Structures are given as structure tokens and as C-alpha cells.
Amino acid sequence: MYEMKNLCKLKNLEAHSPETMKAFVAFDKAALAAGAIPIKYKELMAIAVALTTQCPDWIEIHSDNAREDGASEQELSEVVIITAAFRAVSAITHGTQHCTGA
């Protein structure tokens, strides 16, 4: 279903909406640039978001980027565990709002 080769289809979006894609790419690049938060940590955050949204392409891309920016396997493993914990907590808290008695 998801294959990295399909990312080449981004060119279709660029062809049909060039200004919007140009703005998106600039925004994405700026958001991940070094700032108060080092790039490695931004990449780790991106992995957590990608795991939460279950986007395999971005999980792979940002995992590779994080490694290139010095993330250790322990840091990557902790991101996976943190993400799992937050997803579980979300289910619990939503359950208290909608599924439990008064």
C-alpha cells in the first residue's frame, strides 16, 4: 500500500499547485531547521508524530534523518515507547469522557 517510490508523485502536486507546494516545502524546511530546539530533537519529535499518524514514509524518512543527526538507537526506542504511552493515555482519557458511567 505505502511505498517510498510513490513520493515521486509529489511532483504532480507541484505541477498542479506550484505556489502552494513551494510554500509548503519552505514551511517544512523552516520548521525542521536548527533553532532553539536542535535538529536531532526535531527529528525525534517528527518520528513521534509520524508514529501517531501512522505514516510509514515519514517514519522511515525521519528515523533516517534522526540517525544522521546523531540520534542513538536508545533515543529512537524511547520515542517509540513514549508514543505508545501517549496513544494509550489518549484512549484512556477519551474513554473516561465517553464510555464510563457517571
N, C-alpha and C. Protein backbone atom coordinates (compact mmCIF):
# COMPACT_ATOMS: atom_id res chain seq x y z
N MET A 1 0.82 -1.19 0.00
CA MET A 1 0.00 0.00 0.00
C MET A 1 0.87 1.26 0.00
N TYR A 2 1.72 1.38 1.01
CA TYR A 2 2.61 2.53 1.06
C TYR A 2 3.97 2.11 0.54
N GLU A 3 4.45 2.84 -0.44
CA GLU A 3 5.77 2.57 -0.98
C GLU A 3 6.49 3.89 -1.17
N MET A 4 7.74 3.92 -0.75
CA MET A 4 8.52 5.15 -0.85
C MET A 4 8.55 5.69 -2.28
N LYS A 5 8.49 4.79 -3.25
CA LYS A 5 8.56 5.25 -4.64
C LYS A 5 7.39 6.16 -4.99
N ASN A 6 6.28 6.06 -4.25
CA ASN A 6 5.12 6.91 -4.52
C ASN A 6 5.36 8.37 -4.16
N LEU A 7 6.40 8.63 -3.37
CA LEU A 7 6.70 10.02 -3.05
C LEU A 7 7.05 10.83 -4.29
N CYS A 8 7.44 10.15 -5.37
CA CYS A 8 7.72 10.87 -6.61
C CYS A 8 6.46 11.56 -7.14
N LYS A 9 5.30 11.10 -6.67
CA LYS A 9 4.04 11.70 -7.09
C LYS A 9 3.83 13.10 -6.50
N LEU A 10 4.69 13.48 -5.57
CA LEU A 10 4.63 14.85 -5.07
C LEU A 10 4.82 15.84 -6.21
N LYS A 11 5.52 15.41 -7.25
CA LYS A 11 5.73 16.28 -8.41
C LYS A 11 4.39 16.63 -9.06
N ASN A 12 3.41 15.73 -8.97
CA ASN A 12 2.07 16.02 -9.52
C ASN A 12 1.43 17.18 -8.75
N LEU A 13 1.57 17.15 -7.43
CA LEU A 13 1.03 18.26 -6.63
C LEU A 13 1.73 19.56 -7.00
N GLU A 14 3.04 19.46 -7.16
CA GLU A 14 3.81 20.66 -7.53
C GLU A 14 3.40 21.19 -8.90
N ALA A 15 3.14 20.29 -9.82
CA ALA A 15 2.74 20.71 -11.17
C ALA A 15 1.38 21.39 -11.18
N HIS A 16 0.47 20.91 -10.34
CA HIS A 16 -0.89 21.43 -10.35
C HIS A 16 -1.13 22.55 -9.35
N SER A 17 -0.23 22.70 -8.39
CA SER A 17 -0.37 23.74 -7.39
C SER A 17 1.03 24.22 -6.97
N PRO A 18 1.75 24.81 -7.92
CA PRO A 18 3.17 25.12 -7.67
C PRO A 18 3.41 26.11 -6.53
N GLU A 19 2.63 27.15 -6.44
CA GLU A 19 2.86 28.13 -5.38
C GLU A 19 2.59 27.54 -4.00
N THR A 20 1.53 26.74 -3.90
CA THR A 20 1.19 26.13 -2.62
C THR A 20 2.27 25.15 -2.21
N MET A 21 2.72 24.32 -3.12
CA MET A 21 3.77 23.35 -2.79
C MET A 21 5.08 24.06 -2.46
N LYS A 22 5.38 25.12 -3.16
CA LYS A 22 6.59 25.88 -2.86
C LYS A 22 6.52 26.42 -1.43
N ALA A 23 5.36 26.95 -1.06
CA ALA A 23 5.18 27.47 0.30
C ALA A 23 5.25 26.35 1.33
N PHE A 24 4.64 25.20 1.01
CA PHE A 24 4.68 24.07 1.94
C PHE A 24 6.11 23.60 2.17
N VAL A 25 6.87 23.43 1.09
CA VAL A 25 8.26 22.95 1.20
C VAL A 25 9.08 23.94 2.03
N ALA A 26 8.89 25.23 1.80
CA ALA A 26 9.62 26.25 2.57
C ALA A 26 9.24 26.18 4.05
N PHE A 27 7.95 26.01 4.33
CA PHE A 27 7.48 25.91 5.71
C PHE A 27 8.06 24.67 6.38
N ASP A 28 8.01 23.53 5.69
CA ASP A 28 8.53 22.28 6.23
C ASP A 28 10.01 22.41 6.54
N LYS A 29 10.75 22.99 5.62
CA LYS A 29 12.19 23.17 5.79
C LYS A 29 12.48 24.08 6.98
N ALA A 30 11.73 25.18 7.09
CA ALA A 30 11.93 26.11 8.20
C ALA A 30 11.58 25.47 9.54
N ALA A 31 10.52 24.69 9.56
CA ALA A 31 10.09 24.06 10.81
C ALA A 31 11.14 23.08 11.33
N LEU A 32 11.85 22.42 10.44
CA LEU A 32 12.85 21.42 10.85
C LEU A 32 14.27 21.97 10.93
N ALA A 33 14.43 23.27 10.67
CA ALA A 33 15.76 23.88 10.72
C ALA A 33 16.21 24.06 12.16
N ALA A 34 17.51 24.17 12.34
CA ALA A 34 18.06 24.41 13.67
C ALA A 34 17.50 25.70 14.23
N GLY A 35 17.23 25.67 15.50
CA GLY A 35 16.71 26.84 16.21
C GLY A 35 16.94 26.62 17.68
N ALA A 36 15.99 27.05 18.51
CA ALA A 36 16.10 26.81 19.95
C ALA A 36 16.12 25.32 20.24
N ILE A 37 15.44 24.54 19.40
CA ILE A 37 15.44 23.08 19.53
C ILE A 37 16.40 22.52 18.48
N PRO A 38 17.40 21.74 18.89
CA PRO A 38 18.34 21.16 17.93
C PRO A 38 17.62 20.24 16.93
N ILE A 39 18.20 20.13 15.74
CA ILE A 39 17.60 19.34 14.66
C ILE A 39 17.33 17.90 15.10
N LYS A 40 18.26 17.29 15.82
CA LYS A 40 18.06 15.90 16.26
C LYS A 40 16.75 15.77 17.02
N TYR A 41 16.48 16.70 17.92
CA TYR A 41 15.26 16.62 18.72
C TYR A 41 14.01 16.88 17.88
N LYS A 42 14.14 17.76 16.90
CA LYS A 42 13.02 17.99 15.99
C LYS A 42 12.71 16.72 15.20
N GLU A 43 13.76 16.02 14.78
CA GLU A 43 13.56 14.77 14.05
C GLU A 43 12.92 13.71 14.94
N LEU A 44 13.32 13.65 16.21
CA LEU A 44 12.71 12.71 17.14
C LEU A 44 11.23 13.04 17.34
N MET A 45 10.91 14.33 17.43
CA MET A 45 9.50 14.74 17.54
C MET A 45 8.74 14.35 16.27
N ALA A 46 9.37 14.53 15.13
CA ALA A 46 8.73 14.17 13.87
C ALA A 46 8.42 12.68 13.82
N ILE A 47 9.32 11.86 14.37
CA ILE A 47 9.07 10.42 14.42
C ILE A 47 7.85 10.14 15.29
N ALA A 48 7.76 10.78 16.43
CA ALA A 48 6.62 10.57 17.32
C ALA A 48 5.31 10.94 16.63
N VAL A 49 5.31 12.04 15.91
CA VAL A 49 4.10 12.44 15.18
C VAL A 49 3.80 11.43 14.08
N ALA A 50 4.83 11.02 13.34
CA ALA A 50 4.62 10.06 12.26
C ALA A 50 4.11 8.72 12.79
N LEU A 51 4.62 8.30 13.97
CA LEU A 51 4.11 7.07 14.58
C LEU A 51 2.65 7.24 14.98
N THR A 52 2.31 8.41 15.50
CA THR A 52 0.94 8.68 15.93
C THR A 52 -0.01 8.70 14.74
N THR A 53 0.42 9.33 13.65
CA THR A 53 -0.43 9.41 12.46
C THR A 53 -0.29 8.17 11.59
N GLN A 54 0.65 7.29 11.97
CA GLN A 54 0.89 6.03 11.28
C GLN A 54 1.25 6.22 9.81
N CYS A 55 2.19 7.12 9.58
CA CYS A 55 2.65 7.41 8.22
C CYS A 55 3.99 6.72 7.99
N PRO A 56 3.98 5.56 7.32
CA PRO A 56 5.22 4.79 7.17
C PRO A 56 6.34 5.52 6.44
N ASP A 57 5.98 6.31 5.44
CA ASP A 57 7.03 7.03 4.71
C ASP A 57 7.75 8.00 5.62
N TRP A 58 7.00 8.76 6.41
CA TRP A 58 7.62 9.76 7.27
C TRP A 58 8.32 9.11 8.45
N ILE A 59 7.82 7.96 8.93
CA ILE A 59 8.54 7.24 9.98
C ILE A 59 9.93 6.88 9.46
N GLU A 60 9.99 6.33 8.27
CA GLU A 60 11.28 5.94 7.69
C GLU A 60 12.19 7.14 7.45
N ILE A 61 11.65 8.16 6.82
CA ILE A 61 12.45 9.35 6.49
C ILE A 61 13.01 10.01 7.75
N HIS A 62 12.13 10.24 8.73
CA HIS A 62 12.59 10.96 9.92
C HIS A 62 13.45 10.08 10.83
N SER A 63 13.26 8.76 10.79
CA SER A 63 14.16 7.86 11.53
C SER A 63 15.56 7.92 10.92
N ASP A 64 15.63 7.89 9.60
CA ASP A 64 16.93 8.01 8.93
C ASP A 64 17.57 9.36 9.23
N ASN A 65 16.76 10.43 9.14
CA ASN A 65 17.29 11.77 9.42
C ASN A 65 17.79 11.88 10.86
N ALA A 66 17.01 11.33 11.80
CA ALA A 66 17.42 11.39 13.21
C ALA A 66 18.76 10.69 13.42
N ARG A 67 18.91 9.51 12.80
CA ARG A 67 20.19 8.80 12.91
C ARG A 67 21.32 9.64 12.33
N GLU A 68 21.08 10.26 11.18
CA GLU A 68 22.10 11.11 10.56
C GLU A 68 22.46 12.30 11.44
N ASP A 69 21.48 12.76 12.24
CA ASP A 69 21.71 13.89 13.13
C ASP A 69 22.18 13.46 14.52
N GLY A 70 22.55 12.18 14.65
CA GLY A 70 23.18 11.71 15.87
C GLY A 70 22.29 11.02 16.88
N ALA A 71 21.04 10.73 16.52
CA ALA A 71 20.16 10.03 17.45
C ALA A 71 20.64 8.59 17.63
N SER A 72 20.64 8.14 18.86
CA SER A 72 21.05 6.77 19.16
C SER A 72 19.86 5.83 19.04
N GLU A 73 20.16 4.55 18.99
CA GLU A 73 19.08 3.56 18.94
C GLU A 73 18.26 3.62 20.24
N GLN A 74 18.91 3.94 21.35
CA GLN A 74 18.18 4.08 22.62
C GLN A 74 17.20 5.25 22.54
N GLU A 75 17.63 6.38 21.97
CA GLU A 75 16.73 7.53 21.83
C GLU A 75 15.55 7.18 20.92
N LEU A 76 15.84 6.51 19.81
CA LEU A 76 14.76 6.11 18.90
C LEU A 76 13.79 5.14 19.58
N SER A 77 14.33 4.21 20.36
CA SER A 77 13.48 3.27 21.08
C SER A 77 12.60 3.99 22.09
N GLU A 78 13.16 4.97 22.79
CA GLU A 78 12.37 5.73 23.76
C GLU A 78 11.26 6.52 23.09
N VAL A 79 11.53 7.04 21.89
CA VAL A 79 10.47 7.75 21.15
C VAL A 79 9.31 6.81 20.86
N VAL A 80 9.62 5.59 20.46
CA VAL A 80 8.57 4.60 20.19
C VAL A 80 7.75 4.35 21.45
N ILE A 81 8.42 4.16 22.58
CA ILE A 81 7.73 3.87 23.84
C ILE A 81 6.91 5.08 24.29
N ILE A 82 7.47 6.28 24.20
CA ILE A 82 6.74 7.49 24.58
C ILE A 82 5.48 7.62 23.73
N THR A 83 5.62 7.40 22.43
CA THR A 83 4.47 7.50 21.53
C THR A 83 3.41 6.48 21.91
N ALA A 84 3.82 5.26 22.18
CA ALA A 84 2.86 4.22 22.58
C ALA A 84 2.15 4.61 23.87
N ALA A 85 2.89 5.16 24.82
CA ALA A 85 2.29 5.57 26.09
C ALA A 85 1.27 6.68 25.87
N PHE A 86 1.60 7.65 25.05
CA PHE A 86 0.67 8.75 24.80
C PHE A 86 -0.57 8.30 24.06
N ARG A 87 -0.40 7.37 23.13
CA ARG A 87 -1.58 6.84 22.44
C ARG A 87 -2.47 6.07 23.41
N ALA A 88 -1.87 5.32 24.33
CA ALA A 88 -2.64 4.57 25.32
C ALA A 88 -3.35 5.52 26.27
N VAL A 89 -2.65 6.54 26.72
CA VAL A 89 -3.26 7.53 27.62
C VAL A 89 -4.42 8.24 26.92
N SER A 90 -4.27 8.50 25.65
CA SER A 90 -5.35 9.13 24.91
C SER A 90 -6.60 8.26 24.90
N ALA A 91 -6.42 6.96 24.69
CA ALA A 91 -7.56 6.04 24.71
C ALA A 91 -8.22 6.04 26.08
N ILE A 92 -7.41 6.03 27.13
CA ILE A 92 -7.94 6.03 28.49
C ILE A 92 -8.72 7.32 28.77
N THR A 93 -8.12 8.46 28.46
CA THR A 93 -8.79 9.72 28.77
C THR A 93 -10.03 9.92 27.93
N HIS A 94 -10.01 9.53 26.68
CA HIS A 94 -11.22 9.62 25.87
C HIS A 94 -12.30 8.67 26.40
N GLY A 95 -11.86 7.51 26.87
CA GLY A 95 -12.80 6.56 27.45
C GLY A 95 -13.50 7.12 28.67
N THR A 96 -12.76 7.87 29.50
CA THR A 96 -13.39 8.45 30.67
C THR A 96 -14.42 9.50 30.29
N GLN A 97 -14.23 10.12 29.16
CA GLN A 97 -15.15 11.17 28.72
C GLN A 97 -16.42 10.58 28.10
N HIS A 98 -16.30 9.44 27.46
CA HIS A 98 -17.41 8.97 26.63
C HIS A 98 -17.93 7.58 26.98
N CYS A 99 -17.15 6.79 27.69
CA CYS A 99 -17.53 5.39 27.84
C CYS A 99 -17.78 4.95 29.27
N THR A 100 -17.46 5.76 30.23
CA THR A 100 -17.66 5.34 31.62
C THR A 100 -18.90 5.99 32.19
N GLY A 101 -19.45 5.35 33.18
CA GLY A 101 -20.66 5.88 33.84
C GLY A 101 -20.35 7.10 34.66
N ALA A 102 -21.40 7.73 35.13
CA ALA A 102 -21.28 8.97 35.91
C ALA A 102 -20.57 8.78 37.21
